[in-house]
Amino acid sequence: MPIANDNPASEPTSPACPCGGSALELVGKTPRVGPYPELKTFRCSDCGEVITVESD
């Protein structure tokens, strides 16, 4: 289940899935800790591909 988007203006667009270019759903966030950046995890509902990206 995708998580709620509290502030859509600050969210980048979802990355496209390599399987067919459909947008991925945001399924999790890991908060920034010390020198480590915030991480966002996206999942493709079609193929199940999971991608984690650093957020600013």
N, C-alpha and C. Protein backbone atom coordinates (compact mmCIF):
# COMPACT_ATOMS: atom_id res chain seq x y z
N MET A 1 0.84 -1.17 0.00
CA MET A 1 0.00 0.00 0.00
C MET A 1 0.90 1.24 0.00
N PRO A 2 0.70 2.18 -0.93
CA PRO A 2 1.51 3.40 -0.96
C PRO A 2 1.27 4.24 0.29
N ILE A 3 2.30 4.95 0.71
CA ILE A 3 2.15 5.81 1.87
C ILE A 3 1.55 7.15 1.45
N ALA A 4 0.94 7.83 2.39
CA ALA A 4 0.32 9.12 2.10
C ALA A 4 1.39 10.16 1.80
N ASN A 5 1.06 11.06 0.92
CA ASN A 5 1.97 12.14 0.55
C ASN A 5 1.51 13.40 1.28
N ASP A 6 2.22 13.78 2.35
CA ASP A 6 1.81 14.91 3.17
C ASP A 6 2.05 16.26 2.49
N ASN A 7 3.06 16.34 1.63
CA ASN A 7 3.39 17.61 1.00
C ASN A 7 3.76 17.38 -0.47
N PRO A 8 2.76 17.33 -1.35
CA PRO A 8 3.03 17.00 -2.74
C PRO A 8 3.95 17.98 -3.45
N ALA A 9 4.01 19.24 -3.04
CA ALA A 9 4.85 20.22 -3.70
C ALA A 9 6.33 19.90 -3.52
N SER A 10 6.70 19.25 -2.41
CA SER A 10 8.10 18.95 -2.14
C SER A 10 8.53 17.60 -2.72
N GLU A 11 7.60 16.81 -3.21
CA GLU A 11 7.91 15.48 -3.72
C GLU A 11 8.33 15.54 -5.19
N PRO A 12 9.43 14.87 -5.53
CA PRO A 12 9.78 14.79 -6.94
C PRO A 12 8.83 13.82 -7.64
N THR A 13 8.80 13.85 -8.95
CA THR A 13 7.98 12.89 -9.66
C THR A 13 8.55 11.51 -9.45
N SER A 14 7.69 10.51 -9.50
CA SER A 14 8.14 9.13 -9.32
C SER A 14 8.99 8.70 -10.50
N PRO A 15 10.04 7.91 -10.22
CA PRO A 15 10.85 7.42 -11.33
C PRO A 15 10.04 6.44 -12.18
N ALA A 16 10.42 6.29 -13.43
CA ALA A 16 9.76 5.33 -14.31
C ALA A 16 10.39 3.95 -14.11
N CYS A 17 9.57 2.93 -14.22
CA CYS A 17 10.06 1.56 -14.07
C CYS A 17 10.74 1.11 -15.35
N PRO A 18 11.88 0.42 -15.23
CA PRO A 18 12.58 -0.08 -16.41
C PRO A 18 11.77 -1.11 -17.21
N CYS A 19 10.76 -1.73 -16.59
CA CYS A 19 10.00 -2.78 -17.28
C CYS A 19 9.10 -2.24 -18.38
N GLY A 20 8.67 -0.99 -18.26
CA GLY A 20 7.77 -0.48 -19.28
C GLY A 20 7.51 1.01 -19.17
N GLY A 21 8.20 1.66 -18.29
CA GLY A 21 8.08 3.10 -18.19
C GLY A 21 6.93 3.61 -17.35
N SER A 22 6.17 2.73 -16.69
CA SER A 22 5.09 3.22 -15.84
C SER A 22 5.68 3.83 -14.57
N ALA A 23 4.97 4.79 -13.99
CA ALA A 23 5.45 5.45 -12.77
C ALA A 23 5.42 4.47 -11.60
N LEU A 24 6.40 4.59 -10.73
CA LEU A 24 6.47 3.75 -9.54
C LEU A 24 5.72 4.40 -8.39
N GLU A 25 5.21 3.59 -7.47
CA GLU A 25 4.49 4.09 -6.30
C GLU A 25 5.45 4.23 -5.13
N LEU A 26 5.35 5.35 -4.41
CA LEU A 26 6.15 5.55 -3.20
C LEU A 26 5.59 4.63 -2.12
N VAL A 27 6.44 3.74 -1.59
CA VAL A 27 5.98 2.79 -0.58
C VAL A 27 6.68 2.95 0.76
N GLY A 28 7.73 3.79 0.82
CA GLY A 28 8.40 3.97 2.10
C GLY A 28 9.42 5.09 2.07
N LYS A 29 9.65 5.65 3.26
CA LYS A 29 10.67 6.69 3.44
C LYS A 29 11.50 6.33 4.65
N THR A 30 12.82 6.54 4.52
CA THR A 30 13.72 6.38 5.65
C THR A 30 14.26 7.77 5.95
N PRO A 31 14.03 8.28 7.16
CA PRO A 31 14.44 9.65 7.46
C PRO A 31 15.94 9.84 7.44
N ARG A 32 16.35 11.08 7.23
CA ARG A 32 17.77 11.44 7.26
C ARG A 32 18.30 11.24 8.67
N VAL A 33 19.49 10.63 8.76
CA VAL A 33 20.13 10.40 10.05
C VAL A 33 21.58 10.84 9.93
N GLY A 34 21.95 11.86 10.70
CA GLY A 34 23.32 12.35 10.66
C GLY A 34 23.74 12.72 9.25
N PRO A 35 24.86 12.16 8.78
CA PRO A 35 25.35 12.51 7.44
C PRO A 35 24.64 11.74 6.32
N TYR A 36 23.77 10.81 6.67
CA TYR A 36 23.11 9.98 5.66
C TYR A 36 21.84 10.65 5.15
N PRO A 37 21.59 10.62 3.84
CA PRO A 37 20.43 11.30 3.27
C PRO A 37 19.13 10.53 3.51
N GLU A 38 18.01 11.22 3.33
CA GLU A 38 16.71 10.56 3.36
C GLU A 38 16.64 9.61 2.16
N LEU A 39 16.04 8.44 2.36
CA LEU A 39 15.87 7.47 1.28
C LEU A 39 14.38 7.29 1.00
N LYS A 40 14.04 7.17 -0.27
CA LYS A 40 12.65 6.91 -0.67
C LYS A 40 12.63 5.62 -1.47
N THR A 41 11.69 4.74 -1.13
CA THR A 41 11.57 3.46 -1.79
C THR A 41 10.30 3.44 -2.63
N PHE A 42 10.45 3.07 -3.90
CA PHE A 42 9.35 3.01 -4.85
C PHE A 42 9.19 1.57 -5.33
N ARG A 43 7.93 1.19 -5.66
CA ARG A 43 7.66 -0.16 -6.17
C ARG A 43 6.76 -0.08 -7.38
N CYS A 44 7.03 -0.93 -8.37
CA CYS A 44 6.20 -1.02 -9.57
C CYS A 44 5.05 -1.99 -9.29
N SER A 45 3.83 -1.55 -9.51
CA SER A 45 2.68 -2.42 -9.25
C SER A 45 2.53 -3.48 -10.35
N ASP A 46 3.16 -3.26 -11.51
CA ASP A 46 3.06 -4.23 -12.60
C ASP A 46 4.04 -5.40 -12.44
N CYS A 47 5.33 -5.10 -12.23
CA CYS A 47 6.33 -6.17 -12.19
C CYS A 47 6.91 -6.43 -10.80
N GLY A 48 6.69 -5.52 -9.84
CA GLY A 48 7.20 -5.71 -8.49
C GLY A 48 8.61 -5.17 -8.27
N GLU A 49 9.21 -4.55 -9.29
CA GLU A 49 10.55 -3.95 -9.18
C GLU A 49 10.56 -2.92 -8.05
N VAL A 50 11.60 -2.94 -7.23
CA VAL A 50 11.74 -1.99 -6.12
C VAL A 50 13.00 -1.18 -6.35
N ILE A 51 12.87 0.17 -6.21
CA ILE A 51 13.99 1.08 -6.39
C ILE A 51 14.05 2.01 -5.19
N THR A 52 15.24 2.20 -4.63
CA THR A 52 15.44 3.13 -3.52
C THR A 52 16.35 4.23 -4.02
N VAL A 53 15.94 5.50 -3.79
CA VAL A 53 16.72 6.65 -4.23
C VAL A 53 16.97 7.59 -3.07
N GLU A 54 18.09 8.31 -3.14
CA GLU A 54 18.40 9.35 -2.14
C GLU A 54 17.56 10.56 -2.43
N SER A 55 17.14 11.25 -1.38
CA SER A 55 16.35 12.47 -1.51
C SER A 55 17.16 13.63 -0.93
N ASP A 56 16.97 14.81 -1.47
CA ASP A 56 17.70 15.99 -0.96
C ASP A 56 17.14 16.47 0.35
